[in-house]
């Protein structure tokens, strides 16, 4: 989500109706993804894990596509992330994310 790409369905409305809030979100996004110790790819993989743990189908798909297209993240790297999701969040979010990843890759 580096730059001004947001996946929330309501962000276009926020941009139109609340431009000051939108700009604050853009600035926060830039600060968060400009880690002091971790590189952008690592931060993106953390975002993938959190999204997968939340079991939001649409957001998981968008995060996978973004990681693959922006950073060249591989299926094996994403599966490593999903293993952590299995350990920390359980079987349902893990299985759902694996299915979505298979759909995205195929």
PDB file of N, CA and C in Angstrom:
ATOM      1  N   UNK A   1       0.832  -1.183   0.000  1.00  0.00           N
ATOM      2  CA  UNK A   1       0.000   0.000   0.000  1.00  0.00           C
ATOM      3  C   UNK A   1       0.876   1.246   0.000  1.00  0.00           C
ATOM      4  N   UNK A   2       2.025   1.141  -0.554  1.00  0.00           N
ATOM      5  CA  UNK A   2       2.890   2.304  -0.594  1.00  0.00           C
ATOM      6  C   UNK A   2       2.344   3.272  -1.636  1.00  0.00           C
ATOM      7  N   UNK A   3       2.466   4.532  -1.367  1.00  0.00           N
ATOM      8  CA  UNK A   3       1.901   5.526  -2.268  1.00  0.00           C
ATOM      9  C   UNK A   3       0.463   5.801  -1.889  1.00  0.00           C
ATOM     10  N   UNK A   4      -0.369   6.075  -2.880  1.00  0.00           N
ATOM     11  CA  UNK A   4      -1.760   6.436  -2.598  1.00  0.00           C
ATOM     12  C   UNK A   4      -2.722   5.362  -3.089  1.00  0.00           C
ATOM     13  N   UNK A   5      -2.418   4.107  -2.790  1.00  0.00           N
ATOM     14  CA  UNK A   5      -3.289   3.004  -3.163  1.00  0.00           C
ATOM     15  C   UNK A   5      -3.898   2.452  -1.886  1.00  0.00           C
ATOM     16  N   UNK A   6      -5.218   2.571  -1.786  1.00  0.00           N
ATOM     17  CA  UNK A   6      -5.922   2.076  -0.610  1.00  0.00           C
ATOM     18  C   UNK A   6      -6.996   1.103  -1.064  1.00  0.00           C
ATOM     19  N   UNK A   7      -7.216   0.064  -0.261  1.00  0.00           N
ATOM     20  CA  UNK A   7      -8.130  -0.991  -0.660  1.00  0.00           C
ATOM     21  C   UNK A   7      -9.502  -0.891  -0.020  1.00  0.00           C
ATOM     22  N   UNK A   8      -9.668  -0.028   0.945  1.00  0.00           N
ATOM     23  CA  UNK A   8     -10.969   0.130   1.573  1.00  0.00           C
ATOM     24  C   UNK A   8     -11.980   0.663   0.578  1.00  0.00           C
ATOM     25  N   UNK A   9     -13.167   0.069   0.576  1.00  0.00           N
ATOM     26  CA  UNK A   9     -14.198   0.476  -0.382  1.00  0.00           C
ATOM     27  C   UNK A   9     -14.601   1.935  -0.218  1.00  0.00           C
ATOM     28  N   UNK A  10     -14.501   2.476   0.965  1.00  0.00           N
ATOM     29  CA  UNK A  10     -14.953   3.831   1.209  1.00  0.00           C
ATOM     30  C   UNK A  10     -13.908   4.911   1.009  1.00  0.00           C
ATOM     31  N   UNK A  11     -12.688   4.547   0.646  1.00  0.00           N
ATOM     32  CA  UNK A  11     -11.625   5.547   0.552  1.00  0.00           C
ATOM     33  C   UNK A  11     -11.876   6.588  -0.538  1.00  0.00           C
ATOM     34  N   UNK A  12     -12.522   6.211  -1.614  1.00  0.00           N
ATOM     35  CA  UNK A  12     -12.832   7.202  -2.658  1.00  0.00           C
ATOM     36  C   UNK A  12     -13.780   8.263  -2.099  1.00  0.00           C
ATOM     37  N   UNK A  13     -14.723   7.832  -1.276  1.00  0.00           N
ATOM     38  CA  UNK A  13     -15.648   8.780  -0.660  1.00  0.00           C
ATOM     39  C   UNK A  13     -14.942   9.667   0.351  1.00  0.00           C
ATOM     40  N   UNK A  14     -14.021   9.074   1.118  1.00  0.00           N
ATOM     41  CA  UNK A  14     -13.249   9.870   2.079  1.00  0.00           C
ATOM     42  C   UNK A  14     -12.448  10.933   1.328  1.00  0.00           C
ATOM     43  N   UNK A  15     -11.824  10.526   0.236  1.00  0.00           N
ATOM     44  CA  UNK A  15     -11.019  11.467  -0.562  1.00  0.00           C
ATOM     45  C   UNK A  15     -11.875  12.626  -1.068  1.00  0.00           C
ATOM     46  N   UNK A  16     -13.085  12.320  -1.510  1.00  0.00           N
ATOM     47  CA  UNK A  16     -13.978  13.340  -2.062  1.00  0.00           C
ATOM     48  C   UNK A  16     -14.594  14.217  -0.973  1.00  0.00           C
ATOM     49  N   UNK A  17     -15.095  13.562   0.078  1.00  0.00           N
ATOM     50  CA  UNK A  17     -15.869  14.278   1.089  1.00  0.00           C
ATOM     51  C   UNK A  17     -15.042  14.843   2.245  1.00  0.00           C
ATOM     52  N   UNK A  18     -13.903  14.243   2.493  1.00  0.00           N
ATOM     53  CA  UNK A  18     -13.062  14.651   3.641  1.00  0.00           C
ATOM     54  C   UNK A  18     -11.595  14.703   3.214  1.00  0.00           C
ATOM     55  N   UNK A  19     -11.251  15.613   2.313  1.00  0.00           N
ATOM     56  CA  UNK A  19      -9.884  15.607   1.790  1.00  0.00           C
ATOM     57  C   UNK A  19      -8.810  15.781   2.854  1.00  0.00           C
ATOM     58  N   UNK A  20      -9.117  16.497   3.930  1.00  0.00           N
ATOM     59  CA  UNK A  20      -8.133  16.670   4.999  1.00  0.00           C
ATOM     60  C   UNK A  20      -7.856  15.344   5.713  1.00  0.00           C
ATOM     61  N   UNK A  21      -8.896  14.569   5.943  1.00  0.00           N
ATOM     62  CA  UNK A  21      -8.715  13.259   6.565  1.00  0.00           C
ATOM     63  C   UNK A  21      -7.990  12.324   5.614  1.00  0.00           C
ATOM     64  N   UNK A  22      -8.337  12.384   4.340  1.00  0.00           N
ATOM     65  CA  UNK A  22      -7.669  11.548   3.343  1.00  0.00           C
ATOM     66  C   UNK A  22      -6.165  11.828   3.329  1.00  0.00           C
ATOM     67  N   UNK A  23      -5.793  13.094   3.317  1.00  0.00           N
ATOM     68  CA  UNK A  23      -4.371  13.445   3.307  1.00  0.00           C
ATOM     69  C   UNK A  23      -3.679  12.979   4.586  1.00  0.00           C
ATOM     70  N   UNK A  24      -4.371  13.033   5.713  1.00  0.00           N
ATOM     71  CA  UNK A  24      -3.797  12.528   6.968  1.00  0.00           C
ATOM     72  C   UNK A  24      -3.546  11.019   6.866  1.00  0.00           C
ATOM     73  N   UNK A  25      -4.467  10.300   6.241  1.00  0.00           N
ATOM     74  CA  UNK A  25      -4.307   8.862   6.047  1.00  0.00           C
ATOM     75  C   UNK A  25      -3.136   8.583   5.112  1.00  0.00           C
ATOM     76  N   UNK A  26      -3.025   9.351   4.034  1.00  0.00           N
ATOM     77  CA  UNK A  26      -1.894   9.202   3.109  1.00  0.00           C
ATOM     78  C   UNK A  26      -0.586   9.422   3.847  1.00  0.00           C
ATOM     79  N   UNK A  27      -0.522  10.464   4.659  1.00  0.00           N
ATOM     80  CA  UNK A  27       0.701  10.748   5.413  1.00  0.00           C
ATOM     81  C   UNK A  27       1.009   9.636   6.406  1.00  0.00           C
ATOM     82  N   UNK A  28      -0.009   9.141   7.093  1.00  0.00           N
ATOM     83  CA  UNK A  28       0.194   8.038   8.026  1.00  0.00           C
ATOM     84  C   UNK A  28       0.706   6.803   7.298  1.00  0.00           C
ATOM     85  N   UNK A  29       0.131   6.526   6.153  1.00  0.00           N
ATOM     86  CA  UNK A  29       0.557   5.395   5.328  1.00  0.00           C
ATOM     87  C   UNK A  29       2.043   5.500   4.990  1.00  0.00           C
ATOM     88  N   UNK A  30       2.469   6.674   4.585  1.00  0.00           N
ATOM     89  CA  UNK A  30       3.880   6.873   4.231  1.00  0.00           C
ATOM     90  C   UNK A  30       4.791   6.684   5.440  1.00  0.00           C
ATOM     91  N   UNK A  31       4.380   7.184   6.582  1.00  0.00           N
ATOM     92  CA  UNK A  31       5.185   7.036   7.799  1.00  0.00           C
ATOM     93  C   UNK A  31       5.283   5.566   8.197  1.00  0.00           C
ATOM     94  N   UNK A  32       4.159   4.867   8.182  1.00  0.00           N
ATOM     95  CA  UNK A  32       4.143   3.464   8.591  1.00  0.00           C
ATOM     96  C   UNK A  32       5.012   2.612   7.671  1.00  0.00           C
ATOM     97  N   UNK A  33       4.891   2.822   6.374  1.00  0.00           N
ATOM     98  CA  UNK A  33       5.637   1.998   5.426  1.00  0.00           C
ATOM     99  C   UNK A  33       7.055   2.514   5.168  1.00  0.00           C
ATOM    100  N   UNK A  34       7.505   3.463   5.929  1.00  0.00           N
ATOM    101  CA  UNK A  34       8.894   3.926   5.867  1.00  0.00           C
ATOM    102  C   UNK A  34       9.578   3.511   7.161  1.00  0.00           C
ATOM    103  N   UNK A  35       9.610   2.215   7.393  1.00  0.00           N
ATOM    104  CA  UNK A  35      10.148   1.675   8.636  1.00  0.00           C
ATOM    105  C   UNK A  35      11.583   2.100   8.876  1.00  0.00           C
ATOM    106  N   UNK A  36      11.924   2.226  10.117  1.00  0.00           N
ATOM    107  CA  UNK A  36      13.284   2.611  10.483  1.00  0.00           C
ATOM    108  C   UNK A  36      14.215   1.410  10.466  1.00  0.00           C
ATOM    109  N   UNK A  37      13.706   0.244  10.826  1.00  0.00           N
ATOM    110  CA  UNK A  37      14.541  -0.951  10.893  1.00  0.00           C
ATOM    111  C   UNK A  37      14.145  -2.013   9.877  1.00  0.00           C
ATOM    112  N   UNK A  38      12.876  -2.054   9.521  1.00  0.00           N
ATOM    113  CA  UNK A  38      12.391  -3.068   8.595  1.00  0.00           C
ATOM    114  C   UNK A  38      12.186  -2.462   7.210  1.00  0.00           C
ATOM    115  N   UNK A  39      12.514  -3.227   6.196  1.00  0.00           N
ATOM    116  CA  UNK A  39      12.320  -2.745   4.833  1.00  0.00           C
ATOM    117  C   UNK A  39      10.844  -2.877   4.425  1.00  0.00           C
ATOM    118  N   UNK A  40      10.510  -2.269   3.307  1.00  0.00           N
ATOM    119  CA  UNK A  40       9.122  -2.234   2.846  1.00  0.00           C
ATOM    120  C   UNK A  40       8.574  -3.639   2.608  1.00  0.00           C
ATOM    121  N   UNK A  41       9.382  -4.522   2.049  1.00  0.00           N
ATOM    122  CA  UNK A  41       8.909  -5.881   1.786  1.00  0.00           C
ATOM    123  C   UNK A  41       8.510  -6.579   3.087  1.00  0.00           C
ATOM    124  N   UNK A  42       9.319  -6.448   4.107  1.00  0.00           N
ATOM    125  CA  UNK A  42       9.002  -7.069   5.392  1.00  0.00           C
ATOM    126  C   UNK A  42       7.725  -6.478   5.968  1.00  0.00           C
ATOM    127  N   UNK A  43       7.589  -5.173   5.898  1.00  0.00           N
ATOM    128  CA  UNK A  43       6.368  -4.520   6.389  1.00  0.00           C
ATOM    129  C   UNK A  43       5.154  -4.996   5.604  1.00  0.00           C
ATOM    130  N   UNK A  44       5.309  -5.170   4.311  1.00  0.00           N
ATOM    131  CA  UNK A  44       4.207  -5.650   3.468  1.00  0.00           C
ATOM    132  C   UNK A  44       3.813  -7.065   3.880  1.00  0.00           C
ATOM    133  N   UNK A  45       4.797  -7.924   4.162  1.00  0.00           N
ATOM    134  CA  UNK A  45       4.491  -9.289   4.585  1.00  0.00           C
ATOM    135  C   UNK A  45       3.773  -9.306   5.935  1.00  0.00           C
ATOM    136  N   UNK A  46       4.115  -8.381   6.806  1.00  0.00           N
ATOM    137  CA  UNK A  46       3.385  -8.242   8.068  1.00  0.00           C
ATOM    138  C   UNK A  46       1.936  -7.848   7.781  1.00  0.00           C
ATOM    139  N   UNK A  47       1.745  -6.918   6.871  1.00  0.00           N
ATOM    140  CA  UNK A  47       0.384  -6.504   6.502  1.00  0.00           C
ATOM    141  C   UNK A  47      -0.400  -7.674   5.917  1.00  0.00           C
ATOM    142  N   UNK A  48       0.251  -8.499   5.116  1.00  0.00           N
ATOM    143  CA  UNK A  48      -0.399  -9.687   4.556  1.00  0.00           C
ATOM    144  C   UNK A  48      -0.851 -10.609   5.693  1.00  0.00           C
ATOM    145  N   UNK A  49       0.018 -10.837   6.653  1.00  0.00           N
ATOM    146  CA  UNK A  49      -0.320 -11.727   7.765  1.00  0.00           C
ATOM    147  C   UNK A  49      -1.503 -11.196   8.575  1.00  0.00           C
ATOM    148  N   UNK A  50      -1.479  -9.913   8.865  1.00  0.00           N
ATOM    149  CA  UNK A  50      -2.576  -9.324   9.636  1.00  0.00           C
ATOM    150  C   UNK A  50      -3.886  -9.424   8.865  1.00  0.00           C
ATOM    151  N   UNK A  51      -3.836  -9.123   7.590  1.00  0.00           N
ATOM    152  CA  UNK A  51      -5.035  -9.193   6.754  1.00  0.00           C
ATOM    153  C   UNK A  51      -5.567 -10.621   6.688  1.00  0.00           C
ATOM    154  N   UNK A  52      -4.672 -11.576   6.490  1.00  0.00           N
ATOM    155  CA  UNK A  52      -5.099 -12.980   6.447  1.00  0.00           C
ATOM    156  C   UNK A  52      -5.712 -13.399   7.785  1.00  0.00           C
ATOM    157  N   UNK A  53      -5.138 -12.940   8.867  1.00  0.00           N
ATOM    158  CA  UNK A  53      -5.667 -13.274  10.197  1.00  0.00           C
ATOM    159  C   UNK A  53      -7.078 -12.740  10.401  1.00  0.00           C
ATOM    160  N   UNK A  54      -7.397 -11.632   9.731  1.00  0.00           N
ATOM    161  CA  UNK A  54      -8.730 -11.036   9.849  1.00  0.00           C
ATOM    162  C   UNK A  54      -9.776 -11.710   8.967  1.00  0.00           C
ATOM    163  N   UNK A  55      -9.346 -12.597   8.076  1.00  0.00           N
ATOM    164  CA  UNK A  55     -10.243 -13.388   7.213  1.00  0.00           C
ATOM    165  C   UNK A  55     -11.135 -12.556   6.298  1.00  0.00           C
ATOM    166  N   UNK A  56     -10.663 -11.413   5.855  1.00  0.00           N
ATOM    167  CA  UNK A  56     -11.415 -10.572   4.922  1.00  0.00           C
ATOM    168  C   UNK A  56     -10.994 -10.950   3.496  1.00  0.00           C
ATOM    169  N   UNK A  57     -11.854 -11.697   2.813  1.00  0.00           N
ATOM    170  CA  UNK A  57     -11.521 -12.251   1.493  1.00  0.00           C
ATOM    171  C   UNK A  57     -10.977 -11.204   0.529  1.00  0.00           C
ATOM    172  N   UNK A  58     -11.705 -10.125   0.391  1.00  0.00           N
ATOM    173  CA  UNK A  58     -11.329  -9.076  -0.565  1.00  0.00           C
ATOM    174  C   UNK A  58      -9.983  -8.463  -0.209  1.00  0.00           C
ATOM    175  N   UNK A  59      -9.780  -8.161   1.063  1.00  0.00           N
ATOM    176  CA  UNK A  59      -8.527  -7.543   1.487  1.00  0.00           C
ATOM    177  C   UNK A  59      -7.352  -8.508   1.325  1.00  0.00           C
ATOM    178  N   UNK A  60      -7.573  -9.790   1.621  1.00  0.00           N
ATOM    179  CA  UNK A  60      -6.507 -10.779   1.452  1.00  0.00           C
ATOM    180  C   UNK A  60      -6.072 -10.826  -0.006  1.00  0.00           C
ATOM    181  N   UNK A  61      -7.035 -10.918  -0.900  1.00  0.00           N
ATOM    182  CA  UNK A  61      -6.719 -10.964  -2.328  1.00  0.00           C
ATOM    183  C   UNK A  61      -5.930  -9.727  -2.760  1.00  0.00           C
ATOM    184  N   UNK A  62      -6.377  -8.558  -2.329  1.00  0.00           N
ATOM    185  CA  UNK A  62      -5.694  -7.310  -2.707  1.00  0.00           C
ATOM    186  C   UNK A  62      -4.271  -7.279  -2.152  1.00  0.00           C
ATOM    187  N   UNK A  63      -4.084  -7.710  -0.906  1.00  0.00           N
ATOM    188  CA  UNK A  63      -2.747  -7.719  -0.318  1.00  0.00           C
ATOM    189  C   UNK A  63      -1.842  -8.700  -1.052  1.00  0.00           C
ATOM    190  N   UNK A  64      -2.348  -9.880  -1.387  1.00  0.00           N
ATOM    191  CA  UNK A  64      -1.547 -10.840  -2.150  1.00  0.00           C
ATOM    192  C   UNK A  64      -1.127 -10.258  -3.490  1.00  0.00           C
ATOM    193  N   UNK A  65      -2.082  -9.706  -4.215  1.00  0.00           N
ATOM    194  CA  UNK A  65      -1.773  -9.152  -5.538  1.00  0.00           C
ATOM    195  C   UNK A  65      -0.774  -8.008  -5.437  1.00  0.00           C
ATOM    196  N   UNK A  66      -0.945  -7.165  -4.449  1.00  0.00           N
ATOM    197  CA  UNK A  66      -0.031  -6.049  -4.251  1.00  0.00           C
ATOM    198  C   UNK A  66       1.375  -6.550  -3.943  1.00  0.00           C
ATOM    199  N   UNK A  67       1.490  -7.513  -3.046  1.00  0.00           N
ATOM    200  CA  UNK A  67       2.807  -8.054  -2.683  1.00  0.00           C
ATOM    201  C   UNK A  67       3.490  -8.692  -3.886  1.00  0.00           C
ATOM    202  N   UNK A  68       2.731  -9.426  -4.669  1.00  0.00           N
ATOM    203  CA  UNK A  68       3.284 -10.103  -5.845  1.00  0.00           C
ATOM    204  C   UNK A  68       3.667  -9.089  -6.922  1.00  0.00           C
ATOM    205  N   UNK A  69       2.760  -8.171  -7.228  1.00  0.00           N
ATOM    206  CA  UNK A  69       2.988  -7.232  -8.332  1.00  0.00           C
ATOM    207  C   UNK A  69       3.984  -6.129  -8.000  1.00  0.00           C
ATOM    208  N   UNK A  70       3.925  -5.591  -6.783  1.00  0.00           N
ATOM    209  CA  UNK A  70       4.818  -4.493  -6.396  1.00  0.00           C
ATOM    210  C   UNK A  70       6.214  -4.970  -6.032  1.00  0.00           C
ATOM    211  N   UNK A  71       6.276  -6.122  -5.372  1.00  0.00           N
ATOM    212  CA  UNK A  71       7.538  -6.528  -4.759  1.00  0.00           C
ATOM    213  C   UNK A  71       8.076  -7.863  -5.250  1.00  0.00           C
ATOM    214  N   UNK A  72       7.343  -8.530  -6.118  1.00  0.00           N
ATOM    215  CA  UNK A  72       7.796  -9.819  -6.617  1.00  0.00           C
ATOM    216  C   UNK A  72       7.817 -10.901  -5.548  1.00  0.00           C
ATOM    217  N   UNK A  73       6.966 -10.749  -4.536  1.00  0.00           N
ATOM    218  CA  UNK A  73       6.888 -11.745  -3.476  1.00  0.00           C
ATOM    219  C   UNK A  73       6.427 -13.067  -4.096  1.00  0.00           C
ATOM    220  N   UNK A  74       7.059 -14.155  -3.688  1.00  0.00           N
ATOM    221  CA  UNK A  74       6.758 -15.464  -4.267  1.00  0.00           C
ATOM    222  C   UNK A  74       5.680 -16.194  -3.480  1.00  0.00           C
ATOM    223  N   UNK A  75       5.125 -17.211  -4.097  1.00  0.00           N
ATOM    224  CA  UNK A  75       4.138 -18.049  -3.424  1.00  0.00           C
ATOM    225  C   UNK A  75       4.760 -18.677  -2.175  1.00  0.00           C
ATOM    226  N   UNK A  76       6.015 -19.120  -2.262  1.00  0.00           N
ATOM    227  CA  UNK A  76       6.679 -19.729  -1.102  1.00  0.00           C
ATOM    228  C   UNK A  76       6.809 -18.735   0.052  1.00  0.00           C
ATOM    229  N   UNK A  77       7.145 -17.495  -0.268  1.00  0.00           N
ATOM    230  CA  UNK A  77       7.234 -16.475   0.788  1.00  0.00           C
ATOM    231  C   UNK A  77       5.871 -16.236   1.434  1.00  0.00           C
ATOM    232  N   UNK A  78       4.841 -16.178   0.617  1.00  0.00           N
ATOM    233  CA  UNK A  78       3.496 -15.967   1.151  1.00  0.00           C
ATOM    234  C   UNK A  78       3.038 -17.167   1.974  1.00  0.00           C
ATOM    235  N   UNK A  79       3.405 -18.363   1.556  1.00  0.00           N
ATOM    236  CA  UNK A  79       3.061 -19.546   2.349  1.00  0.00           C
ATOM    237  C   UNK A  79       3.774 -19.528   3.694  1.00  0.00           C
ATOM    238  N   UNK A  80       5.014 -19.030   3.733  1.00  0.00           N
ATOM    239  CA  UNK A  80       5.704 -18.886   5.019  1.00  0.00           C
ATOM    240  C   UNK A  80       4.934 -17.951   5.943  1.00  0.00           C
ATOM    241  N   UNK A  81       4.434 -16.869   5.381  1.00  0.00           N
ATOM    242  CA  UNK A  81       3.622 -15.928   6.164  1.00  0.00           C
ATOM    243  C   UNK A  81       2.356 -16.624   6.661  1.00  0.00           C
ATOM    244  N   UNK A  82       1.731 -17.392   5.796  1.00  0.00           N
ATOM    245  CA  UNK A  82       0.487 -18.058   6.175  1.00  0.00           C
ATOM    246  C   UNK A  82       0.708 -19.137   7.235  1.00  0.00           C
ATOM    247  N   UNK A  83       1.892 -19.704   7.295  1.00  0.00           N
ATOM    248  CA  UNK A  83       2.200 -20.664   8.365  1.00  0.00           C
ATOM    249  C   UNK A  83       2.124 -19.969   9.732  1.00  0.00           C
ATOM    250  N   UNK A  84       2.589 -18.729   9.775  1.00  0.00           N
ATOM    251  CA  UNK A  84       2.507 -17.958  11.019  1.00  0.00           C
ATOM    252  C   UNK A  84       1.042 -17.661  11.336  1.00  0.00           C
ATOM    253  N   UNK A  85       0.260 -17.366  10.312  1.00  0.00           N
ATOM    254  CA  UNK A  85      -1.176 -17.141  10.514  1.00  0.00           C
ATOM    255  C   UNK A  85      -1.814 -18.398  11.108  1.00  0.00           C
ATOM    256  N   UNK A  86      -1.454 -19.564  10.601  1.00  0.00           N
ATOM    257  CA  UNK A  86      -1.981 -20.816  11.141  1.00  0.00           C
ATOM    258  C   UNK A  86      -1.669 -20.931  12.624  1.00  0.00           C
ATOM    259  N   UNK A  87      -0.435 -20.656  12.981  1.00  0.00           N
ATOM    260  CA  UNK A  87      -0.012 -20.775  14.372  1.00  0.00           C
ATOM    261  C   UNK A  87      -0.710 -19.762  15.281  1.00  0.00           C
ATOM    262  N   UNK A  88      -0.848 -18.537  14.810  1.00  0.00           N
ATOM    263  CA  UNK A  88      -1.354 -17.468  15.672  1.00  0.00           C
ATOM    264  C   UNK A  88      -2.861 -17.260  15.599  1.00  0.00           C
ATOM    265  N   UNK A  89      -3.471 -17.601  14.469  1.00  0.00           N
ATOM    266  CA  UNK A  89      -4.897 -17.302  14.284  1.00  0.00           C
ATOM    267  C   UNK A  89      -5.763 -18.524  14.043  1.00  0.00           C
ATOM    268  N   UNK A  90      -5.147 -19.651  13.768  1.00  0.00           N
ATOM    269  CA  UNK A  90      -5.901 -20.884  13.626  1.00  0.00           C
ATOM    270  C   UNK A  90      -6.164 -21.325  12.198  1.00  0.00           C
ATOM    271  N   UNK A  91      -6.815 -22.466  12.125  1.00  0.00           N
ATOM    272  CA  UNK A  91      -7.063 -23.137  10.846  1.00  0.00           C
ATOM    273  C   UNK A  91      -7.989 -22.363   9.897  1.00  0.00           C
ATOM    274  N   UNK A  92      -9.139 -21.826  10.342  1.00  0.00           N
ATOM    275  CA  UNK A  92     -10.039 -21.180   9.375  1.00  0.00           C
ATOM    276  C   UNK A  92      -9.392 -20.034   8.580  1.00  0.00           C
ATOM    277  N   UNK A  93      -8.711 -19.077   9.223  1.00  0.00           N
ATOM    278  CA  UNK A  93      -8.100 -18.017   8.420  1.00  0.00           C
ATOM    279  C   UNK A  93      -6.977 -18.537   7.521  1.00  0.00           C
ATOM    280  N   UNK A  94      -6.244 -19.534   8.014  1.00  0.00           N
ATOM    281  CA  UNK A  94      -5.165 -20.121   7.230  1.00  0.00           C
ATOM    282  C   UNK A  94      -5.703 -20.764   5.953  1.00  0.00           C
ATOM    283  N   UNK A  95      -6.700 -21.635   6.098  1.00  0.00           N
ATOM    284  CA  UNK A  95      -7.261 -22.349   4.942  1.00  0.00           C
ATOM    285  C   UNK A  95      -7.879 -21.371   3.949  1.00  0.00           C
ATOM    286  N   UNK A  96      -8.586 -20.380   4.468  1.00  0.00           N
ATOM    287  CA  UNK A  96      -9.188 -19.377   3.584  1.00  0.00           C
ATOM    288  C   UNK A  96      -8.112 -18.651   2.780  1.00  0.00           C
ATOM    289  N   UNK A  97      -7.045 -18.232   3.446  1.00  0.00           N
ATOM    290  CA  UNK A  97      -5.981 -17.488   2.764  1.00  0.00           C
ATOM    291  C   UNK A  97      -5.236 -18.363   1.764  1.00  0.00           C
ATOM    292  N   UNK A  98      -5.017 -19.634   2.091  1.00  0.00           N
ATOM    293  CA  UNK A  98      -4.350 -20.550   1.147  1.00  0.00           C
ATOM    294  C   UNK A  98      -5.194 -20.694  -0.116  1.00  0.00           C
ATOM    295  N   UNK A  99      -6.495 -20.814   0.055  1.00  0.00           N
ATOM    296  CA  UNK A  99      -7.396 -20.922  -1.120  1.00  0.00           C
ATOM    297  C   UNK A  99      -7.328 -19.653  -1.962  1.00  0.00           C
ATOM    298  N   UNK A 100      -7.360 -18.505  -1.327  1.00  0.00           N
ATOM    299  CA  UNK A 100      -7.289 -17.241  -2.066  1.00  0.00           C
ATOM    300  C   UNK A 100      -5.953 -17.118  -2.773  1.00  0.00           C
ATOM    301  N   UNK A 101      -4.869 -17.499  -2.110  1.00  0.00           N
ATOM    302  CA  UNK A 101      -3.549 -17.454  -2.740  1.00  0.00           C
ATOM    303  C   UNK A 101      -3.506 -18.360  -3.961  1.00  0.00           C
ATOM    304  N   UNK A 102      -4.060 -19.551  -3.855  1.00  0.00           N
ATOM    305  CA  UNK A 102      -4.095 -20.459  -5.010  1.00  0.00           C
ATOM    306  C   UNK A 102      -4.869 -19.837  -6.166  1.00  0.00           C
ATOM    307  N   UNK A 103      -5.977 -19.182  -5.868  1.00  0.00           N
ATOM    308  CA  UNK A 103      -6.762 -18.523  -6.912  1.00  0.00           C
ATOM    309  C   UNK A 103      -5.986 -17.389  -7.561  1.00  0.00           C
ATOM    310  N   UNK A 104      -5.258 -16.625  -6.743  1.00  0.00           N
ATOM    311  CA  UNK A 104      -4.484 -15.486  -7.254  1.00  0.00           C
ATOM    312  C   UNK A 104      -3.328 -15.970  -8.123  1.00  0.00           C
ATOM    313  N   UNK A 105      -2.648 -17.019  -7.694  1.00  0.00           N
ATOM    314  CA  UNK A 105      -1.481 -17.531  -8.420  1.00  0.00           C
ATOM    315  C   UNK A 105      -1.883 -18.206  -9.712  1.00  0.00           C
ATOM    316  N   UNK A 106      -3.013 -18.926  -9.689  1.00  0.00           N
ATOM    317  CA  UNK A 106      -3.457 -19.680 -10.883  1.00  0.00           C
ATOM    318  C   UNK A 106      -4.116 -18.817 -11.875  1.00  0.00           C
TER     319      UNK A 106
END
